[in-house]
Amino acid sequence: MPCYGPNEIFGIPSGWHNILADLRSGNHGRLPYAGIVSFPSFHSSMAVILAAVTRGYKYLFVPSVILNGLMLIATVPIGYHYLSDVIAGCVIAILALYSAVHLVKPATAPSAASCAAM
């Protein structure tokens, strides 16, 4: 959902202010491409997923958690998101990781008996 974000309240200019103003005014003309999705924050989804993916790697996990933790912190003031956007992005990532681990059955190799029957 596109929204101005908290930067509008504090007078911080954004690259998509004019685009959002045109969208809200009902302008149906051509608009330049701009990433204006606010809810959910895909920055926070990717931060959680990347930290989870590097979990088994001794030298990657700690730097990944630190870097992605800083990105989560910076998403509100610099990424033009509300806190609810960040929380929703984290929830989506956790649900996606849970689904990947628990709901999707891994592929199994065919047994020797089934190969012989072919």
PDB file of N, CA and C in Angstrom:
ATOM      1  N   MET A   1       0.831  -1.170   0.000  1.00  0.00           N
ATOM      2  CA  MET A   1       0.000   0.000   0.000  1.00  0.00           C
ATOM      3  C   MET A   1       0.880   1.239   0.000  1.00  0.00           C
ATOM      4  N   PRO A   2       0.745   2.100  -0.966  1.00  0.00           N
ATOM      5  CA  PRO A   2       1.580   3.296  -0.970  1.00  0.00           C
ATOM      6  C   PRO A   2       1.115   4.313   0.059  1.00  0.00           C
ATOM      7  N   CYS A   3       2.068   4.896   0.748  1.00  0.00           N
ATOM      8  CA  CYS A   3       1.741   5.981   1.682  1.00  0.00           C
ATOM      9  C   CYS A   3       2.945   6.904   1.773  1.00  0.00           C
ATOM     10  N   TYR A   4       2.715   8.076   2.295  1.00  0.00           N
ATOM     11  CA  TYR A   4       3.801   9.042   2.411  1.00  0.00           C
ATOM     12  C   TYR A   4       4.872   8.587   3.400  1.00  0.00           C
ATOM     13  N   GLY A   5       4.488   7.949   4.464  1.00  0.00           N
ATOM     14  CA  GLY A   5       5.441   7.514   5.465  1.00  0.00           C
ATOM     15  C   GLY A   5       5.739   8.596   6.480  1.00  0.00           C
ATOM     16  N   PRO A   6       6.488   8.258   7.498  1.00  0.00           N
ATOM     17  CA  PRO A   6       6.746   9.212   8.579  1.00  0.00           C
ATOM     18  C   PRO A   6       7.593  10.401   8.148  1.00  0.00           C
ATOM     19  N   ASN A   7       8.325  10.282   7.046  1.00  0.00           N
ATOM     20  CA  ASN A   7       9.151  11.401   6.605  1.00  0.00           C
ATOM     21  C   ASN A   7       8.318  12.631   6.275  1.00  0.00           C
ATOM     22  N   GLU A   8       7.082  12.428   5.850  1.00  0.00           N
ATOM     23  CA  GLU A   8       6.207  13.551   5.508  1.00  0.00           C
ATOM     24  C   GLU A   8       5.916  14.407   6.746  1.00  0.00           C
ATOM     25  N   ILE A   9       5.739  13.755   7.876  1.00  0.00           N
ATOM     26  CA  ILE A   9       5.448  14.475   9.116  1.00  0.00           C
ATOM     27  C   ILE A   9       6.629  15.350   9.536  1.00  0.00           C
ATOM     28  N   PHE A  10       7.847  14.829   9.320  1.00  0.00           N
ATOM     29  CA  PHE A  10       9.036  15.541   9.760  1.00  0.00           C
ATOM     30  C   PHE A  10       9.655  16.421   8.683  1.00  0.00           C
ATOM     31  N   GLY A  11       8.997  16.514   7.526  1.00  0.00           N
ATOM     32  CA  GLY A  11       9.482  17.390   6.467  1.00  0.00           C
ATOM     33  C   GLY A  11      10.703  16.884   5.734  1.00  0.00           C
ATOM     34  N   ILE A  12      10.930  15.580   5.747  1.00  0.00           N
ATOM     35  CA  ILE A  12      12.064  14.993   5.038  1.00  0.00           C
ATOM     36  C   ILE A  12      11.608  14.693   3.610  1.00  0.00           C
ATOM     37  N   PRO A  13      12.269  15.260   2.610  1.00  0.00           N
ATOM     38  CA  PRO A  13      11.817  15.035   1.231  1.00  0.00           C
ATOM     39  C   PRO A  13      12.051  13.590   0.802  1.00  0.00           C
ATOM     40  N   SER A  14      11.143  13.107  -0.038  1.00  0.00           N
ATOM     41  CA  SER A  14      11.311  11.760  -0.591  1.00  0.00           C
ATOM     42  C   SER A  14      11.193  11.841  -2.103  1.00  0.00           C
ATOM     43  N   GLY A  15      11.740  10.853  -2.760  1.00  0.00           N
ATOM     44  CA  GLY A  15      11.724  10.830  -4.211  1.00  0.00           C
ATOM     45  C   GLY A  15      10.369  10.549  -4.810  1.00  0.00           C
ATOM     46  N   TRP A  16       9.451  10.070  -4.023  1.00  0.00           N
ATOM     47  CA  TRP A  16       8.152   9.698  -4.578  1.00  0.00           C
ATOM     48  C   TRP A  16       7.001  10.544  -4.036  1.00  0.00           C
ATOM     49  N   HIS A  17       7.299  11.675  -3.408  1.00  0.00           N
ATOM     50  CA  HIS A  17       6.239  12.541  -2.893  1.00  0.00           C
ATOM     51  C   HIS A  17       5.299  12.989  -4.016  1.00  0.00           C
ATOM     52  N   ASN A  18       5.860  13.446  -5.139  1.00  0.00           N
ATOM     53  CA  ASN A  18       5.029  13.927  -6.243  1.00  0.00           C
ATOM     54  C   ASN A  18       4.208  12.802  -6.862  1.00  0.00           C
ATOM     55  N   ILE A  19       4.778  11.617  -6.940  1.00  0.00           N
ATOM     56  CA  ILE A  19       4.053  10.474  -7.499  1.00  0.00           C
ATOM     57  C   ILE A  19       2.862  10.131  -6.609  1.00  0.00           C
ATOM     58  N   LEU A  20       3.085  10.095  -5.304  1.00  0.00           N
ATOM     59  CA  LEU A  20       1.981   9.796  -4.379  1.00  0.00           C
ATOM     60  C   LEU A  20       0.922  10.886  -4.420  1.00  0.00           C
ATOM     61  N   ALA A  21       1.347  12.125  -4.553  1.00  0.00           N
ATOM     62  CA  ALA A  21       0.373  13.223  -4.648  1.00  0.00           C
ATOM     63  C   ALA A  21      -0.484  13.056  -5.901  1.00  0.00           C
ATOM     64  N   ASP A  22       0.140  12.668  -7.025  1.00  0.00           N
ATOM     65  CA  ASP A  22      -0.627  12.432  -8.256  1.00  0.00           C
ATOM     66  C   ASP A  22      -1.584  11.253  -8.097  1.00  0.00           C
ATOM     67  N   LEU A  23      -1.124  10.184  -7.453  1.00  0.00           N
ATOM     68  CA  LEU A  23      -1.999   9.022  -7.234  1.00  0.00           C
ATOM     69  C   LEU A  23      -3.198   9.394  -6.375  1.00  0.00           C
ATOM     70  N   ARG A  24      -2.954  10.159  -5.328  1.00  0.00           N
ATOM     71  CA  ARG A  24      -4.046  10.538  -4.421  1.00  0.00           C
ATOM     72  C   ARG A  24      -5.003  11.556  -5.044  1.00  0.00           C
ATOM     73  N   SER A  25      -4.515  12.323  -6.017  1.00  0.00           N
ATOM     74  CA  SER A  25      -5.391  13.305  -6.655  1.00  0.00           C
ATOM     75  C   SER A  25      -6.282  12.664  -7.714  1.00  0.00           C
ATOM     76  N   GLY A  26      -6.012  11.413  -8.055  1.00  0.00           N
ATOM     77  CA  GLY A  26      -6.815  10.732  -9.069  1.00  0.00           C
ATOM     78  C   GLY A  26      -6.252  10.882 -10.465  1.00  0.00           C
ATOM     79  N   ASN A  27      -5.043  11.367 -10.593  1.00  0.00           N
ATOM     80  CA  ASN A  27      -4.398  11.513 -11.886  1.00  0.00           C
ATOM     81  C   ASN A  27      -4.219  10.131 -12.511  1.00  0.00           C
ATOM     82  N   HIS A  28      -4.723   9.962 -13.715  1.00  0.00           N
ATOM     83  CA  HIS A  28      -4.623   8.662 -14.374  1.00  0.00           C
ATOM     84  C   HIS A  28      -3.603   8.680 -15.503  1.00  0.00           C
ATOM     85  N   GLY A  29      -2.745   9.670 -15.520  1.00  0.00           N
ATOM     86  CA  GLY A  29      -1.715   9.757 -16.551  1.00  0.00           C
ATOM     87  C   GLY A  29      -0.561   8.821 -16.248  1.00  0.00           C
ATOM     88  N   ARG A  30       0.437   8.852 -17.121  1.00  0.00           N
ATOM     89  CA  ARG A  30       1.625   8.022 -16.920  1.00  0.00           C
ATOM     90  C   ARG A  30       2.428   8.550 -15.749  1.00  0.00           C
ATOM     91  N   LEU A  31       2.848   7.658 -14.913  1.00  0.00           N
ATOM     92  CA  LEU A  31       3.665   8.024 -13.764  1.00  0.00           C
ATOM     93  C   LEU A  31       4.999   7.304 -13.874  1.00  0.00           C
ATOM     94  N   PRO A  32       6.082   7.937 -13.436  1.00  0.00           N
ATOM     95  CA  PRO A  32       7.373   7.242 -13.467  1.00  0.00           C
ATOM     96  C   PRO A  32       7.386   6.100 -12.465  1.00  0.00           C
ATOM     97  N   TYR A  33       8.206   5.099 -12.759  1.00  0.00           N
ATOM     98  CA  TYR A  33       8.314   3.972 -11.846  1.00  0.00           C
ATOM     99  C   TYR A  33       9.001   4.407 -10.565  1.00  0.00           C
ATOM    100  N   ALA A  34       8.476   3.972  -9.461  1.00  0.00           N
ATOM    101  CA  ALA A  34       9.103   4.211  -8.158  1.00  0.00           C
ATOM    102  C   ALA A  34       8.608   3.141  -7.199  1.00  0.00           C
ATOM    103  N   GLY A  35       9.483   2.654  -6.357  1.00  0.00           N
ATOM    104  CA  GLY A  35       9.079   1.682  -5.351  1.00  0.00           C
ATOM    105  C   GLY A  35       8.356   2.395  -4.225  1.00  0.00           C
ATOM    106  N   ILE A  36       7.050   2.239  -4.154  1.00  0.00           N
ATOM    107  CA  ILE A  36       6.275   2.992  -3.173  1.00  0.00           C
ATOM    108  C   ILE A  36       5.476   2.090  -2.249  1.00  0.00           C
ATOM    109  N   VAL A  37       5.861   0.827  -2.149  1.00  0.00           N
ATOM    110  CA  VAL A  37       5.152  -0.072  -1.243  1.00  0.00           C
ATOM    111  C   VAL A  37       5.615   0.233   0.173  1.00  0.00           C
ATOM    112  N   SER A  38       4.663   0.535   1.034  1.00  0.00           N
ATOM    113  CA  SER A  38       5.008   0.841   2.411  1.00  0.00           C
ATOM    114  C   SER A  38       4.671  -0.325   3.336  1.00  0.00           C
ATOM    115  N   PHE A  39       3.518  -0.919   3.127  1.00  0.00           N
ATOM    116  CA  PHE A  39       3.062  -2.001   4.001  1.00  0.00           C
ATOM    117  C   PHE A  39       2.895  -3.263   3.197  1.00  0.00           C
ATOM    118  N   PRO A  40       3.539  -4.317   3.558  1.00  0.00           N
ATOM    119  CA  PRO A  40       4.532  -4.524   4.602  1.00  0.00           C
ATOM    120  C   PRO A  40       5.918  -4.107   4.120  1.00  0.00           C
ATOM    121  N   SER A  41       6.840  -4.006   5.041  1.00  0.00           N
ATOM    122  CA  SER A  41       8.208  -3.649   4.699  1.00  0.00           C
ATOM    123  C   SER A  41       8.960  -4.886   4.246  1.00  0.00           C
ATOM    124  N   PHE A  42       9.318  -4.906   2.963  1.00  0.00           N
ATOM    125  CA  PHE A  42      10.090  -6.038   2.465  1.00  0.00           C
ATOM    126  C   PHE A  42      11.555  -5.927   2.886  1.00  0.00           C
ATOM    127  N   HIS A  43      11.987  -4.738   3.330  1.00  0.00           N
ATOM    128  CA  HIS A  43      13.322  -4.626   3.916  1.00  0.00           C
ATOM    129  C   HIS A  43      13.404  -5.509   5.158  1.00  0.00           C
ATOM    130  N   SER A  44      12.385  -5.427   6.006  1.00  0.00           N
ATOM    131  CA  SER A  44      12.418  -6.215   7.240  1.00  0.00           C
ATOM    132  C   SER A  44      12.232  -7.703   6.952  1.00  0.00           C
ATOM    133  N   SER A  45      11.426  -8.047   5.954  1.00  0.00           N
ATOM    134  CA  SER A  45      11.277  -9.460   5.588  1.00  0.00           C
ATOM    135  C   SER A  45      12.616 -10.045   5.161  1.00  0.00           C
ATOM    136  N   MET A  46      13.320  -9.318   4.302  1.00  0.00           N
ATOM    137  CA  MET A  46      14.606  -9.815   3.825  1.00  0.00           C
ATOM    138  C   MET A  46      15.644  -9.856   4.934  1.00  0.00           C
ATOM    139  N   ALA A  47      15.578  -8.935   5.882  1.00  0.00           N
ATOM    140  CA  ALA A  47      16.517  -8.949   7.009  1.00  0.00           C
ATOM    141  C   ALA A  47      16.348 -10.220   7.827  1.00  0.00           C
ATOM    142  N   VAL A  48      15.116 -10.584   8.105  1.00  0.00           N
ATOM    143  CA  VAL A  48      14.854 -11.793   8.903  1.00  0.00           C
ATOM    144  C   VAL A  48      15.240 -13.039   8.118  1.00  0.00           C
ATOM    145  N   ILE A  49      14.884 -13.086   6.841  1.00  0.00           N
ATOM    146  CA  ILE A  49      15.181 -14.266   6.027  1.00  0.00           C
ATOM    147  C   ILE A  49      16.687 -14.447   5.853  1.00  0.00           C
ATOM    148  N   LEU A  50      17.415 -13.372   5.582  1.00  0.00           N
ATOM    149  CA  LEU A  50      18.860 -13.494   5.405  1.00  0.00           C
ATOM    150  C   LEU A  50      19.542 -13.938   6.694  1.00  0.00           C
ATOM    151  N   ALA A  51      19.092 -13.421   7.814  1.00  0.00           N
ATOM    152  CA  ALA A  51      19.669 -13.856   9.093  1.00  0.00           C
ATOM    153  C   ALA A  51      19.387 -15.343   9.322  1.00  0.00           C
ATOM    154  N   ALA A  52      18.205 -15.802   8.962  1.00  0.00           N
ATOM    155  CA  ALA A  52      17.862 -17.218   9.139  1.00  0.00           C
ATOM    156  C   ALA A  52      18.667 -18.109   8.194  1.00  0.00           C
ATOM    157  N   VAL A  53      18.899 -17.644   6.982  1.00  0.00           N
ATOM    158  CA  VAL A  53      19.640 -18.439   5.999  1.00  0.00           C
ATOM    159  C   VAL A  53      21.094 -18.610   6.411  1.00  0.00           C
ATOM    160  N   THR A  54      21.681 -17.605   7.026  1.00  0.00           N
ATOM    161  CA  THR A  54      23.090 -17.679   7.414  1.00  0.00           C
ATOM    162  C   THR A  54      23.290 -18.316   8.787  1.00  0.00           C
ATOM    163  N   ARG A  55      22.227 -18.806   9.388  1.00  0.00           N
ATOM    164  CA  ARG A  55      22.282 -19.343  10.747  1.00  0.00           C
ATOM    165  C   ARG A  55      23.314 -20.457  10.913  1.00  0.00           C
ATOM    166  N   GLY A  56      23.491 -21.295   9.939  1.00  0.00           N
ATOM    167  CA  GLY A  56      24.411 -22.423  10.077  1.00  0.00           C
ATOM    168  C   GLY A  56      25.854 -22.118   9.727  1.00  0.00           C
ATOM    169  N   TYR A  57      26.147 -20.896   9.326  1.00  0.00           N
ATOM    170  CA  TYR A  57      27.500 -20.534   8.919  1.00  0.00           C
ATOM    171  C   TYR A  57      28.157 -19.686  10.008  1.00  0.00           C
ATOM    172  N   LYS A  58      29.195 -20.257  10.597  1.00  0.00           N
ATOM    173  CA  LYS A  58      29.833 -19.667  11.774  1.00  0.00           C
ATOM    174  C   LYS A  58      30.293 -18.222  11.550  1.00  0.00           C
ATOM    175  N   TYR A  59      30.942 -17.955  10.435  1.00  0.00           N
ATOM    176  CA  TYR A  59      31.517 -16.632  10.215  1.00  0.00           C
ATOM    177  C   TYR A  59      30.569 -15.662   9.499  1.00  0.00           C
ATOM    178  N   LEU A  60      29.466 -16.139   9.000  1.00  0.00           N
ATOM    179  CA  LEU A  60      28.505 -15.265   8.335  1.00  0.00           C
ATOM    180  C   LEU A  60      27.348 -14.841   9.225  1.00  0.00           C
ATOM    181  N   PHE A  61      27.008 -15.677  10.196  1.00  0.00           N
ATOM    182  CA  PHE A  61      25.803 -15.435  10.977  1.00  0.00           C
ATOM    183  C   PHE A  61      25.872 -14.144  11.784  1.00  0.00           C
ATOM    184  N   VAL A  62      26.930 -13.954  12.557  1.00  0.00           N
ATOM    185  CA  VAL A  62      27.032 -12.762  13.416  1.00  0.00           C
ATOM    186  C   VAL A  62      27.067 -11.475  12.588  1.00  0.00           C
ATOM    187  N   PRO A  63      27.908 -11.382  11.539  1.00  0.00           N
ATOM    188  CA  PRO A  63      27.859 -10.153  10.730  1.00  0.00           C
ATOM    189  C   PRO A  63      26.499  -9.952  10.056  1.00  0.00           C
ATOM    190  N   SER A  64      25.872 -11.044   9.649  1.00  0.00           N
ATOM    191  CA  SER A  64      24.556 -10.942   9.022  1.00  0.00           C
ATOM    192  C   SER A  64      23.515 -10.407   9.998  1.00  0.00           C
ATOM    193  N   VAL A  65      23.528 -10.899  11.215  1.00  0.00           N
ATOM    194  CA  VAL A  65      22.574 -10.426  12.228  1.00  0.00           C
ATOM    195  C   VAL A  65      22.822  -8.956  12.554  1.00  0.00           C
ATOM    196  N   ILE A  66      24.086  -8.570  12.672  1.00  0.00           N
ATOM    197  CA  ILE A  66      24.408  -7.173  12.968  1.00  0.00           C
ATOM    198  C   ILE A  66      23.965  -6.266  11.823  1.00  0.00           C
ATOM    199  N   LEU A  67      24.340  -6.626  10.590  1.00  0.00           N
ATOM    200  CA  LEU A  67      23.987  -5.806   9.431  1.00  0.00           C
ATOM    201  C   LEU A  67      22.474  -5.707   9.258  1.00  0.00           C
ATOM    202  N   ASN A  68      21.788  -6.832   9.371  1.00  0.00           N
ATOM    203  CA  ASN A  68      20.340  -6.826   9.186  1.00  0.00           C
ATOM    204  C   ASN A  68      19.613  -6.191  10.366  1.00  0.00           C
ATOM    205  N   GLY A  69      20.178  -6.287  11.552  1.00  0.00           N
ATOM    206  CA  GLY A  69      19.614  -5.577  12.697  1.00  0.00           C
ATOM    207  C   GLY A  69      19.694  -4.072  12.506  1.00  0.00           C
ATOM    208  N   LEU A  70      20.837  -3.603  11.966  1.00  0.00           N
ATOM    209  CA  LEU A  70      20.970  -2.172  11.667  1.00  0.00           C
ATOM    210  C   LEU A  70      19.989  -1.748  10.578  1.00  0.00           C
ATOM    211  N   MET A  71      19.779  -2.630   9.597  1.00  0.00           N
ATOM    212  CA  MET A  71      18.812  -2.290   8.548  1.00  0.00           C
ATOM    213  C   MET A  71      17.404  -2.193   9.123  1.00  0.00           C
ATOM    214  N   LEU A  72      17.059  -3.094  10.045  1.00  0.00           N
ATOM    215  CA  LEU A  72      15.744  -3.025  10.685  1.00  0.00           C
ATOM    216  C   LEU A  72      15.565  -1.722  11.451  1.00  0.00           C
ATOM    217  N   ILE A  73      16.605  -1.322  12.165  1.00  0.00           N
ATOM    218  CA  ILE A  73      16.539  -0.082  12.933  1.00  0.00           C
ATOM    219  C   ILE A  73      16.411   1.124  11.994  1.00  0.00           C
ATOM    220  N   ALA A  74      17.125   1.100  10.867  1.00  0.00           N
ATOM    221  CA  ALA A  74      17.129   2.232   9.943  1.00  0.00           C
ATOM    222  C   ALA A  74      15.911   2.267   9.032  1.00  0.00           C
ATOM    223  N   THR A  75      15.138   1.201   9.003  1.00  0.00           N
ATOM    224  CA  THR A  75      14.010   1.146   8.071  1.00  0.00           C
ATOM    225  C   THR A  75      12.969   2.221   8.364  1.00  0.00           C
ATOM    226  N   VAL A  76      12.741   2.542   9.617  1.00  0.00           N
ATOM    227  CA  VAL A  76      11.727   3.555   9.931  1.00  0.00           C
ATOM    228  C   VAL A  76      12.206   4.966   9.571  1.00  0.00           C
ATOM    229  N   PRO A  77      13.350   5.431  10.063  1.00  0.00           N
ATOM    230  CA  PRO A  77      13.712   6.819   9.733  1.00  0.00           C
ATOM    231  C   PRO A  77      14.257   7.013   8.321  1.00  0.00           C
ATOM    232  N   ILE A  78      14.924   6.015   7.758  1.00  0.00           N
ATOM    233  CA  ILE A  78      15.551   6.181   6.446  1.00  0.00           C
ATOM    234  C   ILE A  78      14.755   5.478   5.352  1.00  0.00           C
ATOM    235  N   GLY A  79      14.101   4.366   5.671  1.00  0.00           N
ATOM    236  CA  GLY A  79      13.367   3.605   4.667  1.00  0.00           C
ATOM    237  C   GLY A  79      11.946   4.060   4.457  1.00  0.00           C
ATOM    238  N   TYR A  80      11.526   5.116   5.165  1.00  0.00           N
ATOM    239  CA  TYR A  80      10.190   5.700   5.010  1.00  0.00           C
ATOM    240  C   TYR A  80       9.081   4.703   5.327  1.00  0.00           C
ATOM    241  N   HIS A  81       9.265   3.928   6.375  1.00  0.00           N
ATOM    242  CA  HIS A  81       8.253   2.979   6.822  1.00  0.00           C
ATOM    243  C   HIS A  81       7.768   3.352   8.216  1.00  0.00           C
ATOM    244  N   TYR A  82       6.560   2.911   8.522  1.00  0.00           N
ATOM    245  CA  TYR A  82       6.039   2.990   9.873  1.00  0.00           C
ATOM    246  C   TYR A  82       6.478   1.744  10.625  1.00  0.00           C
ATOM    247  N   LEU A  83       6.440   1.800  11.944  1.00  0.00           N
ATOM    248  CA  LEU A  83       6.803   0.631  12.744  1.00  0.00           C
ATOM    249  C   LEU A  83       5.902  -0.550  12.427  1.00  0.00           C
ATOM    250  N   SER A  84       4.622  -0.309  12.169  1.00  0.00           N
ATOM    251  CA  SER A  84       3.708  -1.401  11.823  1.00  0.00           C
ATOM    252  C   SER A  84       4.126  -2.082  10.524  1.00  0.00           C
ATOM    253  N   ASP A  85       4.707  -1.349   9.586  1.00  0.00           N
ATOM    254  CA  ASP A  85       5.196  -1.936   8.340  1.00  0.00           C
ATOM    255  C   ASP A  85       6.331  -2.916   8.626  1.00  0.00           C
ATOM    256  N   VAL A  86       7.231  -2.510   9.517  1.00  0.00           N
ATOM    257  CA  VAL A  86       8.383  -3.341   9.860  1.00  0.00           C
ATOM    258  C   VAL A  86       7.932  -4.604  10.587  1.00  0.00           C
ATOM    259  N   ILE A  87       7.022  -4.448  11.530  1.00  0.00           N
ATOM    260  CA  ILE A  87       6.515  -5.610  12.269  1.00  0.00           C
ATOM    261  C   ILE A  87       5.816  -6.585  11.320  1.00  0.00           C
ATOM    262  N   ALA A  88       4.990  -6.064  10.416  1.00  0.00           N
ATOM    263  CA  ALA A  88       4.294  -6.924   9.460  1.00  0.00           C
ATOM    264  C   ALA A  88       5.285  -7.641   8.546  1.00  0.00           C
ATOM    265  N   GLY A  89       6.329  -6.963   8.120  1.00  0.00           N
ATOM    266  CA  GLY A  89       7.353  -7.598   7.290  1.00  0.00           C
ATOM    267  C   GLY A  89       8.051  -8.727   8.020  1.00  0.00           C
ATOM    268  N   CYS A  90       8.345  -8.523   9.304  1.00  0.00           N
ATOM    269  CA  CYS A  90       8.969  -9.587  10.106  1.00  0.00           C
ATOM    270  C   CYS A  90       8.028 -10.774  10.274  1.00  0.00           C
ATOM    271  N   VAL A  91       6.757 -10.497  10.510  1.00  0.00           N
ATOM    272  CA  VAL A  91       5.771 -11.577  10.665  1.00  0.00           C
ATOM    273  C   VAL A  91       5.660 -12.380   9.376  1.00  0.00           C
ATOM    274  N   ILE A  92       5.626 -11.707   8.235  1.00  0.00           N
ATOM    275  CA  ILE A  92       5.549 -12.402   6.953  1.00  0.00           C
ATOM    276  C   ILE A  92       6.776 -13.289   6.743  1.00  0.00           C
ATOM    277  N   ALA A  93       7.947 -12.780   7.084  1.00  0.00           N
ATOM    278  CA  ALA A  93       9.174 -13.573   6.934  1.00  0.00           C
ATOM    279  C   ALA A  93       9.149 -14.795   7.838  1.00  0.00           C
ATOM    280  N   ILE A  94       8.714 -14.624   9.072  1.00  0.00           N
ATOM    281  CA  ILE A  94       8.650 -15.759   9.999  1.00  0.00           C
ATOM    282  C   ILE A  94       7.657 -16.799   9.505  1.00  0.00           C
ATOM    283  N   LEU A  95       6.506 -16.359   9.006  1.00  0.00           N
ATOM    284  CA  LEU A  95       5.524 -17.292   8.451  1.00  0.00           C
ATOM    285  C   LEU A  95       6.065 -18.010   7.214  1.00  0.00           C
ATOM    286  N   ALA A  96       6.801 -17.295   6.374  1.00  0.00           N
ATOM    287  CA  ALA A  96       7.388 -17.908   5.181  1.00  0.00           C
ATOM    288  C   ALA A  96       8.432 -18.949   5.559  1.00  0.00           C
ATOM    289  N   LEU A  97       9.269 -18.618   6.548  1.00  0.00           N
ATOM    290  CA  LEU A  97      10.277 -19.581   6.995  1.00  0.00           C
ATOM    291  C   LEU A  97       9.624 -20.805   7.626  1.00  0.00           C
ATOM    292  N   TYR A  98       8.584 -20.588   8.435  1.00  0.00           N
ATOM    293  CA  TYR A  98       7.863 -21.702   9.042  1.00  0.00           C
ATOM    294  C   TYR A  98       7.251 -22.582   7.956  1.00  0.00           C
ATOM    295  N   SER A  99       6.658 -21.961   6.965  1.00  0.00           N
ATOM    296  CA  SER A  99       6.035 -22.716   5.873  1.00  0.00           C
ATOM    297  C   SER A  99       7.072 -23.540   5.126  1.00  0.00           C
ATOM    298  N   ALA A 100       8.215 -22.940   4.857  1.00  0.00           N
ATOM    299  CA  ALA A 100       9.260 -23.647   4.119  1.00  0.00           C
ATOM    300  C   ALA A 100       9.786 -24.849   4.890  1.00  0.00           C
ATOM    301  N   VAL A 101       9.850 -24.731   6.196  1.00  0.00           N
ATOM    302  CA  VAL A 101      10.411 -25.816   7.004  1.00  0.00           C
ATOM    303  C   VAL A 101       9.375 -26.876   7.339  1.00  0.00           C
ATOM    304  N   HIS A 102       8.155 -26.463   7.682  1.00  0.00           N
ATOM    305  CA  HIS A 102       7.188 -27.415   8.227  1.00  0.00           C
ATOM    306  C   HIS A 102       6.085 -27.848   7.270  1.00  0.00           C
ATOM    307  N   LEU A 103       5.759 -27.041   6.310  1.00  0.00           N
ATOM    308  CA  LEU A 103       4.620 -27.378   5.458  1.00  0.00           C
ATOM    309  C   LEU A 103       5.009 -27.998   4.122  1.00  0.00           C
ATOM    310  N   VAL A 104       6.212 -27.736   3.662  1.00  0.00           N
ATOM    311  CA  VAL A 104       6.656 -28.282   2.387  1.00  0.00           C
ATOM    312  C   VAL A 104       7.444 -29.551   2.662  1.00  0.00           C
ATOM    313  N   LYS A 105       6.982 -30.641   2.071  1.00  0.00           N
ATOM    314  CA  LYS A 105       7.672 -31.912   2.273  1.00  0.00           C
ATOM    315  C   LYS A 105       8.866 -31.985   1.327  1.00  0.00           C
ATOM    316  N   PRO A 106      10.020 -32.420   1.832  1.00  0.00           N
ATOM    317  CA  PRO A 106      11.188 -32.523   0.960  1.00  0.00           C
ATOM    318  C   PRO A 106      10.989 -33.631  -0.072  1.00  0.00           C
ATOM    319  N   ALA A 107      11.585 -33.434  -1.239  1.00  0.00           N
ATOM    320  CA  ALA A 107      11.506 -34.456  -2.275  1.00  0.00           C
ATOM    321  C   ALA A 107      12.334 -35.648  -1.853  1.00  0.00           C
ATOM    322  N   THR A 108      11.832 -36.824  -2.124  1.00  0.00           N
ATOM    323  CA  THR A 108      12.568 -38.043  -1.774  1.00  0.00           C
ATOM    324  C   THR A 108      13.008 -38.731  -3.042  1.00  0.00           C
ATOM    325  N   ALA A 109      14.138 -39.368  -2.957  1.00  0.00           N
ATOM    326  CA  ALA A 109      14.642 -40.111  -4.101  1.00  0.00           C
ATOM    327  C   ALA A 109      13.814 -41.384  -4.263  1.00  0.00           C
ATOM    328  N   PRO A 110      13.613 -41.816  -5.499  1.00  0.00           N
ATOM    329  CA  PRO A 110      12.843 -43.045  -5.696  1.00  0.00           C
ATOM    330  C   PRO A 110      13.589 -44.246  -5.127  1.00  0.00           C
ATOM    331  N   SER A 111      12.848 -45.162  -4.592  1.00  0.00           N
ATOM    332  CA  SER A 111      13.479 -46.370  -4.018  1.00  0.00           C
ATOM    333  C   SER A 111      13.896 -47.328  -5.125  1.00  0.00           C
ATOM    334  N   ALA A 112      14.749 -48.270  -4.790  1.00  0.00           N
ATOM    335  CA  ALA A 112      15.226 -49.245  -5.760  1.00  0.00           C
ATOM    336  C   ALA A 112      14.062 -50.090  -6.287  1.00  0.00           C
ATOM    337  N   ALA A 113      13.092 -50.400  -5.421  1.00  0.00           N
ATOM    338  CA  ALA A 113      11.963 -51.217  -5.831  1.00  0.00           C
ATOM    339  C   ALA A 113      11.106 -50.501  -6.861  1.00  0.00           C
ATOM    340  N   SER A 114      10.911 -49.185  -6.670  1.00  0.00           N
ATOM    341  CA  SER A 114      10.082 -48.463  -7.626  1.00  0.00           C
ATOM    342  C   SER A 114      10.796 -48.292  -8.949  1.00  0.00           C
ATOM    343  N   CYS A 115      12.129 -48.192  -8.928  1.00  0.00           N
ATOM    344  CA  CYS A 115      12.896 -48.084 -10.168  1.00  0.00           C
ATOM    345  C   CYS A 115      12.855 -49.406 -10.934  1.00  0.00           C
ATOM    346  N   ALA A 116      12.908 -50.534 -10.208  1.00  0.00           N
ATOM    347  CA  ALA A 116      12.892 -51.847 -10.856  1.00  0.00           C
ATOM    348  C   ALA A 116      11.524 -52.112 -11.485  1.00  0.00           C
ATOM    349  N   ALA A 117      10.473 -51.554 -10.902  1.00  0.00           N
ATOM    350  CA  ALA A 117       9.113 -51.774 -11.422  1.00  0.00           C
ATOM    351  C   ALA A 117       8.886 -50.995 -12.713  1.00  0.00           C
ATOM    352  N   MET A 118       9.714 -49.995 -12.974  1.00  0.00           N
ATOM    353  CA  MET A 118       9.532 -49.201 -14.190  1.00  0.00           C
ATOM    354  C   MET A 118      10.033 -49.959 -15.327  1.00  0.00           C
TER     355      MET A 118
END
